[in-house]
């Protein structure tokens, strides 16, 4: 099953790296692609819990468009971005 989720706060490849690493760790997720230009995360999965994926994205600082995008989310996304740049 392929799922597309449009997210907030996505800025660069560092962000994308953090998202890929975090979402790939979820059971049932086979592949994660991040379209930085359009702020879309594409997840190929088998029996993965989409709500768990959305919650993980939010915890990383990248909530789904339409969900609450608080100052805390924005701060977390800056940290995730920095960590992702170091890991790439």
PDB file of N, CA and C in Angstrom:
ATOM      1  N   UNK A   1       0.843  -1.167   0.000  1.00  0.00           N
ATOM      2  CA  UNK A   1       0.000   0.000   0.000  1.00  0.00           C
ATOM      3  C   UNK A   1       0.895   1.239   0.000  1.00  0.00           C
ATOM      4  N   UNK A   2       0.556   2.207  -0.825  1.00  0.00           N
ATOM      5  CA  UNK A   2       1.299   3.459  -0.890  1.00  0.00           C
ATOM      6  C   UNK A   2       0.437   4.575  -0.321  1.00  0.00           C
ATOM      7  N   UNK A   3       1.027   5.365   0.575  1.00  0.00           N
ATOM      8  CA  UNK A   3       0.330   6.470   1.213  1.00  0.00           C
ATOM      9  C   UNK A   3       1.145   7.737   1.055  1.00  0.00           C
ATOM     10  N   UNK A   4       0.487   8.831   0.669  1.00  0.00           N
ATOM     11  CA  UNK A   4       1.124  10.140   0.590  1.00  0.00           C
ATOM     12  C   UNK A   4       0.604  11.013   1.717  1.00  0.00           C
ATOM     13  N   UNK A   5       1.525  11.678   2.415  1.00  0.00           N
ATOM     14  CA  UNK A   5       1.151  12.573   3.501  1.00  0.00           C
ATOM     15  C   UNK A   5       1.847  13.906   3.264  1.00  0.00           C
ATOM     16  N   UNK A   6       1.070  14.972   3.159  1.00  0.00           N
ATOM     17  CA  UNK A   6       1.659  16.309   3.015  1.00  0.00           C
ATOM     18  C   UNK A   6       1.914  16.852   4.419  1.00  0.00           C
ATOM     19  N   UNK A   7       3.147  17.342   4.642  1.00  0.00           N
ATOM     20  CA  UNK A   7       3.557  17.742   5.979  1.00  0.00           C
ATOM     21  C   UNK A   7       3.983  19.208   6.041  1.00  0.00           C
ATOM     22  N   UNK A   8       4.071  19.705   7.260  1.00  0.00           N
ATOM     23  CA  UNK A   8       4.535  21.061   7.548  1.00  0.00           C
ATOM     24  C   UNK A   8       6.023  21.032   7.903  1.00  0.00           C
ATOM     25  N   UNK A   9       6.680  22.176   7.809  1.00  0.00           N
ATOM     26  CA  UNK A   9       8.041  22.421   8.323  1.00  0.00           C
ATOM     27  C   UNK A   9       9.176  21.734   7.570  1.00  0.00           C
ATOM     28  N   UNK A  10       8.922  21.118   6.442  1.00  0.00           N
ATOM     29  CA  UNK A  10       9.969  20.448   5.677  1.00  0.00           C
ATOM     30  C   UNK A  10      10.783  21.489   4.923  1.00  0.00           C
ATOM     31  N   UNK A  11      12.089  21.520   5.180  1.00  0.00           N
ATOM     32  CA  UNK A  11      12.924  22.568   4.616  1.00  0.00           C
ATOM     33  C   UNK A  11      14.028  22.069   3.699  1.00  0.00           C
ATOM     34  N   UNK A  12      14.595  20.888   3.977  1.00  0.00           N
ATOM     35  CA  UNK A  12      15.802  20.509   3.239  1.00  0.00           C
ATOM     36  C   UNK A  12      16.039  18.998   3.277  1.00  0.00           C
ATOM     37  N   UNK A  13      17.154  18.603   2.695  1.00  0.00           N
ATOM     38  CA  UNK A  13      17.553  17.205   2.686  1.00  0.00           C
ATOM     39  C   UNK A  13      17.843  16.655   4.070  1.00  0.00           C
ATOM     40  N   UNK A  14      18.285  17.524   4.990  1.00  0.00           N
ATOM     41  CA  UNK A  14      18.502  17.081   6.376  1.00  0.00           C
ATOM     42  C   UNK A  14      17.205  16.646   7.017  1.00  0.00           C
ATOM     43  N   UNK A  15      16.156  17.438   6.783  1.00  0.00           N
ATOM     44  CA  UNK A  15      14.821  17.073   7.274  1.00  0.00           C
ATOM     45  C   UNK A  15      14.394  15.731   6.670  1.00  0.00           C
ATOM     46  N   UNK A  16      14.581  15.606   5.357  1.00  0.00           N
ATOM     47  CA  UNK A  16      14.186  14.384   4.646  1.00  0.00           C
ATOM     48  C   UNK A  16      14.908  13.169   5.212  1.00  0.00           C
ATOM     49  N   UNK A  17      16.191  13.315   5.517  1.00  0.00           N
ATOM     50  CA  UNK A  17      16.976  12.213   6.072  1.00  0.00           C
ATOM     51  C   UNK A  17      16.425  11.765   7.419  1.00  0.00           C
ATOM     52  N   UNK A  18      16.090  12.723   8.276  1.00  0.00           N
ATOM     53  CA  UNK A  18      15.525  12.394   9.587  1.00  0.00           C
ATOM     54  C   UNK A  18      14.182  11.687   9.436  1.00  0.00           C
ATOM     55  N   UNK A  19      13.349  12.178   8.526  1.00  0.00           N
ATOM     56  CA  UNK A  19      12.034  11.573   8.297  1.00  0.00           C
ATOM     57  C   UNK A  19      12.191  10.138   7.796  1.00  0.00           C
ATOM     58  N   UNK A  20      13.055   9.926   6.805  1.00  0.00           N
ATOM     59  CA  UNK A  20      13.269   8.583   6.264  1.00  0.00           C
ATOM     60  C   UNK A  20      13.715   7.619   7.355  1.00  0.00           C
ATOM     61  N   UNK A  21      14.667   8.049   8.157  1.00  0.00           N
ATOM     62  CA  UNK A  21      15.197   7.189   9.223  1.00  0.00           C
ATOM     63  C   UNK A  21      14.106   6.867  10.247  1.00  0.00           C
ATOM     64  N   UNK A  22      13.359   7.881  10.667  1.00  0.00           N
ATOM     65  CA  UNK A  22      12.323   7.681  11.685  1.00  0.00           C
ATOM     66  C   UNK A  22      11.172   6.820  11.211  1.00  0.00           C
ATOM     67  N   UNK A  23      10.689   7.066  10.006  1.00  0.00           N
ATOM     68  CA  UNK A  23       9.529   6.322   9.498  1.00  0.00           C
ATOM     69  C   UNK A  23       9.925   4.912   9.066  1.00  0.00           C
ATOM     70  N   UNK A  24      11.127   4.746   8.549  1.00  0.00           N
ATOM     71  CA  UNK A  24      11.590   3.412   8.136  1.00  0.00           C
ATOM     72  C   UNK A  24      11.665   2.438   9.309  1.00  0.00           C
ATOM     73  N   UNK A  25      11.799   2.962  10.521  1.00  0.00           N
ATOM     74  CA  UNK A  25      11.898   2.115  11.716  1.00  0.00           C
ATOM     75  C   UNK A  25      10.548   1.537  12.144  1.00  0.00           C
ATOM     76  N   UNK A  26       9.462   2.028  11.571  1.00  0.00           N
ATOM     77  CA  UNK A  26       8.130   1.546  11.932  1.00  0.00           C
ATOM     78  C   UNK A  26       7.866   0.207  11.253  1.00  0.00           C
ATOM     79  N   UNK A  27       7.355  -0.730  12.030  1.00  0.00           N
ATOM     80  CA  UNK A  27       7.070  -2.076  11.544  1.00  0.00           C
ATOM     81  C   UNK A  27       6.094  -2.028  10.364  1.00  0.00           C
ATOM     82  N   UNK A  28       6.445  -2.710   9.296  1.00  0.00           N
ATOM     83  CA  UNK A  28       5.595  -2.803   8.113  1.00  0.00           C
ATOM     84  C   UNK A  28       5.943  -1.803   7.023  1.00  0.00           C
ATOM     85  N   UNK A  29       6.803  -0.821   7.337  1.00  0.00           N
ATOM     86  CA  UNK A  29       7.194   0.175   6.334  1.00  0.00           C
ATOM     87  C   UNK A  29       8.331  -0.386   5.500  1.00  0.00           C
ATOM     88  N   UNK A  30       8.148  -0.386   4.168  1.00  0.00           N
ATOM     89  CA  UNK A  30       9.154  -0.922   3.258  1.00  0.00           C
ATOM     90  C   UNK A  30      10.030   0.158   2.645  1.00  0.00           C
ATOM     91  N   UNK A  31       9.423   1.311   2.332  1.00  0.00           N
ATOM     92  CA  UNK A  31      10.185   2.373   1.676  1.00  0.00           C
ATOM     93  C   UNK A  31       9.571   3.720   2.012  1.00  0.00           C
ATOM     94  N   UNK A  32      10.434   4.730   2.146  1.00  0.00           N
ATOM     95  CA  UNK A  32       9.989   6.090   2.422  1.00  0.00           C
ATOM     96  C   UNK A  32      10.674   7.018   1.425  1.00  0.00           C
ATOM     97  N   UNK A  33       9.887   7.829   0.749  1.00  0.00           N
ATOM     98  CA  UNK A  33      10.409   8.836  -0.170  1.00  0.00           C
ATOM     99  C   UNK A  33       9.911  10.195   0.297  1.00  0.00           C
ATOM    100  N   UNK A  34      10.807  11.184   0.285  1.00  0.00           N
ATOM    101  CA  UNK A  34      10.427  12.530   0.721  1.00  0.00           C
ATOM    102  C   UNK A  34      10.632  13.505  -0.431  1.00  0.00           C
ATOM    103  N   UNK A  35       9.562  14.161  -0.825  1.00  0.00           N
ATOM    104  CA  UNK A  35       9.595  15.190  -1.866  1.00  0.00           C
ATOM    105  C   UNK A  35       9.711  16.536  -1.145  1.00  0.00           C
ATOM    106  N   UNK A  36      10.945  17.052  -1.029  1.00  0.00           N
ATOM    107  CA  UNK A  36      11.203  18.274  -0.273  1.00  0.00           C
ATOM    108  C   UNK A  36      10.479  19.462  -0.903  1.00  0.00           C
ATOM    109  N   UNK A  37      10.495  19.547  -2.216  1.00  0.00           N
ATOM    110  CA  UNK A  37       9.894  20.689  -2.908  1.00  0.00           C
ATOM    111  C   UNK A  37       8.397  20.821  -2.642  1.00  0.00           C
ATOM    112  N   UNK A  38       7.698  19.692  -2.547  1.00  0.00           N
ATOM    113  CA  UNK A  38       6.245  19.708  -2.362  1.00  0.00           C
ATOM    114  C   UNK A  38       5.801  19.311  -0.955  1.00  0.00           C
ATOM    115  N   UNK A  39       6.760  19.042  -0.063  1.00  0.00           N
ATOM    116  CA  UNK A  39       6.475  18.667   1.336  1.00  0.00           C
ATOM    117  C   UNK A  39       5.575  17.435   1.432  1.00  0.00           C
ATOM    118  N   UNK A  40       5.895  16.415   0.632  1.00  0.00           N
ATOM    119  CA  UNK A  40       5.104  15.185   0.634  1.00  0.00           C
ATOM    120  C   UNK A  40       5.996  13.999   0.994  1.00  0.00           C
ATOM    121  N   UNK A  41       5.505  13.194   1.935  1.00  0.00           N
ATOM    122  CA  UNK A  41       6.174  11.954   2.313  1.00  0.00           C
ATOM    123  C   UNK A  41       5.355  10.816   1.725  1.00  0.00           C
ATOM    124  N   UNK A  42       6.014   9.942   0.962  1.00  0.00           N
ATOM    125  CA  UNK A  42       5.361   8.779   0.372  1.00  0.00           C
ATOM    126  C   UNK A  42       5.878   7.540   1.090  1.00  0.00           C
ATOM    127  N   UNK A  43       4.957   6.748   1.606  1.00  0.00           N
ATOM    128  CA  UNK A  43       5.310   5.555   2.369  1.00  0.00           C
ATOM    129  C   UNK A  43       4.758   4.327   1.660  1.00  0.00           C
ATOM    130  N   UNK A  44       5.626   3.382   1.346  1.00  0.00           N
ATOM    131  CA  UNK A  44       5.209   2.080   0.838  1.00  0.00           C
ATOM    132  C   UNK A  44       5.255   1.131   2.022  1.00  0.00           C
ATOM    133  N   UNK A  45       4.114   0.513   2.312  1.00  0.00           N
ATOM    134  CA  UNK A  45       4.051  -0.322   3.507  1.00  0.00           C
ATOM    135  C   UNK A  45       3.099  -1.492   3.324  1.00  0.00           C
ATOM    136  N   UNK A  46       3.242  -2.400   4.238  1.00  0.00           N
ATOM    137  CA  UNK A  46       2.339  -3.545   4.316  1.00  0.00           C
ATOM    138  C   UNK A  46       1.887  -3.646   5.759  1.00  0.00           C
ATOM    139  N   UNK A  47       0.607  -3.379   5.988  1.00  0.00           N
ATOM    140  CA  UNK A  47       0.019  -3.447   7.318  1.00  0.00           C
ATOM    141  C   UNK A  47       0.603  -2.444   8.306  1.00  0.00           C
ATOM    142  N   UNK A  48       1.218  -1.366   7.827  1.00  0.00           N
ATOM    143  CA  UNK A  48       1.714  -0.338   8.735  1.00  0.00           C
ATOM    144  C   UNK A  48       0.533   0.517   9.196  1.00  0.00           C
ATOM    145  N   UNK A  49       0.589   0.961  10.436  1.00  0.00           N
ATOM    146  CA  UNK A  49      -0.452   1.800  11.021  1.00  0.00           C
ATOM    147  C   UNK A  49      -0.219   3.252  10.584  1.00  0.00           C
ATOM    148  N   UNK A  50      -1.080   3.763   9.732  1.00  0.00           N
ATOM    149  CA  UNK A  50      -0.917   5.124   9.195  1.00  0.00           C
ATOM    150  C   UNK A  50      -0.977   6.151  10.319  1.00  0.00           C
ATOM    151  N   UNK A  51      -1.815   5.929  11.309  1.00  0.00           N
ATOM    152  CA  UNK A  51      -1.882   6.865  12.438  1.00  0.00           C
ATOM    153  C   UNK A  51      -0.568   6.878  13.213  1.00  0.00           C
ATOM    154  N   UNK A  52       0.067   5.718  13.336  1.00  0.00           N
ATOM    155  CA  UNK A  52       1.377   5.648  13.995  1.00  0.00           C
ATOM    156  C   UNK A  52       2.409   6.451  13.190  1.00  0.00           C
ATOM    157  N   UNK A  53       2.332   6.353  11.879  1.00  0.00           N
ATOM    158  CA  UNK A  53       3.248   7.098  11.010  1.00  0.00           C
ATOM    159  C   UNK A  53       3.020   8.600  11.173  1.00  0.00           C
ATOM    160  N   UNK A  54       1.764   9.033  11.155  1.00  0.00           N
ATOM    161  CA  UNK A  54       1.451  10.457  11.317  1.00  0.00           C
ATOM    162  C   UNK A  54       1.896  10.963  12.686  1.00  0.00           C
ATOM    163  N   UNK A  55       1.724  10.144  13.717  1.00  0.00           N
ATOM    164  CA  UNK A  55       2.161  10.518  15.064  1.00  0.00           C
ATOM    165  C   UNK A  55       3.675  10.657  15.114  1.00  0.00           C
ATOM    166  N   UNK A  56       4.388   9.734  14.484  1.00  0.00           N
ATOM    167  CA  UNK A  56       5.856   9.790  14.443  1.00  0.00           C
ATOM    168  C   UNK A  56       6.320  11.051  13.713  1.00  0.00           C
ATOM    169  N   UNK A  57       5.694  11.362  12.582  1.00  0.00           N
ATOM    170  CA  UNK A  57       6.035  12.577  11.851  1.00  0.00           C
ATOM    171  C   UNK A  57       5.842  13.806  12.733  1.00  0.00           C
ATOM    172  N   UNK A  58       4.732  13.851  13.440  1.00  0.00           N
ATOM    173  CA  UNK A  58       4.439  14.974  14.324  1.00  0.00           C
ATOM    174  C   UNK A  58       5.475  15.085  15.438  1.00  0.00           C
ATOM    175  N   UNK A  59       5.855  13.939  16.026  1.00  0.00           N
ATOM    176  CA  UNK A  59       6.861  13.929  17.093  1.00  0.00           C
ATOM    177  C   UNK A  59       8.221  14.395  16.583  1.00  0.00           C
ATOM    178  N   UNK A  60       8.501  14.145  15.314  1.00  0.00           N
ATOM    179  CA  UNK A  60       9.760  14.606  14.718  1.00  0.00           C
ATOM    180  C   UNK A  60       9.721  16.097  14.386  1.00  0.00           C
ATOM    181  N   UNK A  61       8.509  16.697  14.426  1.00  0.00           N
ATOM    182  CA  UNK A  61       8.360  18.115  14.120  1.00  0.00           C
ATOM    183  C   UNK A  61       7.740  18.395  12.773  1.00  0.00           C
ATOM    184  N   UNK A  62       7.168  17.358  12.142  1.00  0.00           N
ATOM    185  CA  UNK A  62       6.594  17.488  10.806  1.00  0.00           C
ATOM    186  C   UNK A  62       5.144  17.003  10.796  1.00  0.00           C
ATOM    187  N   UNK A  63       4.230  17.775  11.399  1.00  0.00           N
ATOM    188  CA  UNK A  63       2.832  17.332  11.423  1.00  0.00           C
ATOM    189  C   UNK A  63       2.201  17.377  10.031  1.00  0.00           C
ATOM    190  N   UNK A  64       1.157  16.589   9.862  1.00  0.00           N
ATOM    191  CA  UNK A  64       0.422  16.593   8.596  1.00  0.00           C
ATOM    192  C   UNK A  64      -0.222  17.967   8.397  1.00  0.00           C
ATOM    193  N   UNK A  65      -0.270  18.424   7.142  1.00  0.00           N
ATOM    194  CA  UNK A  65      -0.941  19.683   6.840  1.00  0.00           C
ATOM    195  C   UNK A  65      -2.379  19.588   7.341  1.00  0.00           C
ATOM    196  N   UNK A  66      -2.823  20.600   8.050  1.00  0.00           N
ATOM    197  CA  UNK A  66      -4.174  20.598   8.614  1.00  0.00           C
ATOM    198  C   UNK A  66      -4.183  20.271  10.088  1.00  0.00           C
ATOM    199  N   UNK A  67      -3.126  19.614  10.583  1.00  0.00           N
ATOM    200  CA  UNK A  67      -3.010  19.350  12.010  1.00  0.00           C
ATOM    201  C   UNK A  67      -2.374  20.563  12.670  1.00  0.00           C
ATOM    202  N   UNK A  68      -2.412  20.572  13.985  1.00  0.00           N
ATOM    203  CA  UNK A  68      -1.814  21.673  14.738  1.00  0.00           C
ATOM    204  C   UNK A  68      -0.303  21.728  14.472  1.00  0.00           C
ATOM    205  N   UNK A  69       0.193  22.909  14.106  1.00  0.00           N
ATOM    206  CA  UNK A  69       1.621  23.117  13.860  1.00  0.00           C
ATOM    207  C   UNK A  69       2.107  24.159  14.873  1.00  0.00           C
ATOM    208  N   UNK A  70       2.419  23.693  16.072  1.00  0.00           N
ATOM    209  CA  UNK A  70       2.768  24.583  17.167  1.00  0.00           C
ATOM    210  C   UNK A  70       4.229  25.023  17.107  1.00  0.00           C
ATOM    211  N   UNK A  71       4.582  25.941  17.980  1.00  0.00           N
ATOM    212  CA  UNK A  71       5.965  26.380  18.122  1.00  0.00           C
ATOM    213  C   UNK A  71       6.843  25.176  18.468  1.00  0.00           C
ATOM    214  N   UNK A  72       6.333  24.259  19.281  1.00  0.00           N
ATOM    215  CA  UNK A  72       7.086  23.053  19.643  1.00  0.00           C
ATOM    216  C   UNK A  72       7.382  22.209  18.406  1.00  0.00           C
ATOM    217  N   UNK A  73       6.404  22.046  17.530  1.00  0.00           N
ATOM    218  CA  UNK A  73       6.636  21.300  16.282  1.00  0.00           C
ATOM    219  C   UNK A  73       7.735  21.969  15.462  1.00  0.00           C
ATOM    220  N   UNK A  74       7.648  23.286  15.352  1.00  0.00           N
ATOM    221  CA  UNK A  74       8.641  24.021  14.568  1.00  0.00           C
ATOM    222  C   UNK A  74      10.035  23.882  15.174  1.00  0.00           C
ATOM    223  N   UNK A  75      10.124  23.950  16.505  1.00  0.00           N
ATOM    224  CA  UNK A  75      11.420  23.793  17.178  1.00  0.00           C
ATOM    225  C   UNK A  75      11.968  22.386  16.959  1.00  0.00           C
ATOM    226  N   UNK A  76      11.096  21.379  17.070  1.00  0.00           N
ATOM    227  CA  UNK A  76      11.530  19.994  16.852  1.00  0.00           C
ATOM    228  C   UNK A  76      12.018  19.796  15.421  1.00  0.00           C
ATOM    229  N   UNK A  77      11.356  20.449  14.471  1.00  0.00           N
ATOM    230  CA  UNK A  77      11.766  20.284  13.073  1.00  0.00           C
ATOM    231  C   UNK A  77      13.154  20.881  12.849  1.00  0.00           C
ATOM    232  N   UNK A  78      13.470  21.984  13.533  1.00  0.00           N
ATOM    233  CA  UNK A  78      14.818  22.562  13.405  1.00  0.00           C
ATOM    234  C   UNK A  78      15.869  21.598  13.941  1.00  0.00           C
ATOM    235  N   UNK A  79      15.578  20.958  15.071  1.00  0.00           N
ATOM    236  CA  UNK A  79      16.513  19.981  15.642  1.00  0.00           C
ATOM    237  C   UNK A  79      16.622  18.771  14.724  1.00  0.00           C
ATOM    238  N   UNK A  80      15.483  18.259  14.234  1.00  0.00           N
ATOM    239  CA  UNK A  80      15.489  17.115  13.322  1.00  0.00           C
ATOM    240  C   UNK A  80      16.292  17.426  12.066  1.00  0.00           C
ATOM    241  N   UNK A  81      16.133  18.650  11.580  1.00  0.00           N
ATOM    242  CA  UNK A  81      16.855  19.095  10.379  1.00  0.00           C
ATOM    243  C   UNK A  81      18.362  19.031  10.627  1.00  0.00           C
ATOM    244  N   UNK A  82      18.788  19.576  11.757  1.00  0.00           N
ATOM    245  CA  UNK A  82      20.216  19.593  12.091  1.00  0.00           C
ATOM    246  C   UNK A  82      20.773  18.187  12.251  1.00  0.00           C
ATOM    247  N   UNK A  83      20.024  17.330  12.937  1.00  0.00           N
ATOM    248  CA  UNK A  83      20.459  15.937  13.134  1.00  0.00           C
ATOM    249  C   UNK A  83      20.544  15.222  11.789  1.00  0.00           C
ATOM    250  N   UNK A  84      19.543  15.459  10.939  1.00  0.00           N
ATOM    251  CA  UNK A  84      19.527  14.827   9.614  1.00  0.00           C
ATOM    252  C   UNK A  84      20.713  15.257   8.766  1.00  0.00           C
ATOM    253  N   UNK A  85      21.124  16.505   8.890  1.00  0.00           N
ATOM    254  CA  UNK A  85      22.281  16.988   8.131  1.00  0.00           C
ATOM    255  C   UNK A  85      23.563  16.324   8.619  1.00  0.00           C
ATOM    256  N   UNK A  86      23.662  16.068   9.923  1.00  0.00           N
ATOM    257  CA  UNK A  86      24.845  15.413  10.466  1.00  0.00           C
ATOM    258  C   UNK A  86      24.899  13.942  10.062  1.00  0.00           C
ATOM    259  N   UNK A  87      23.731  13.318   9.977  1.00  0.00           N
ATOM    260  CA  UNK A  87      23.657  11.891   9.646  1.00  0.00           C
ATOM    261  C   UNK A  87      23.820  11.599   8.156  1.00  0.00           C
ATOM    262  N   UNK A  88      23.597  12.617   7.284  1.00  0.00           N
ATOM    263  CA  UNK A  88      23.656  12.358   5.834  1.00  0.00           C
ATOM    264  C   UNK A  88      25.069  12.247   5.362  1.00  0.00           C
TER     265      UNK A  88
END
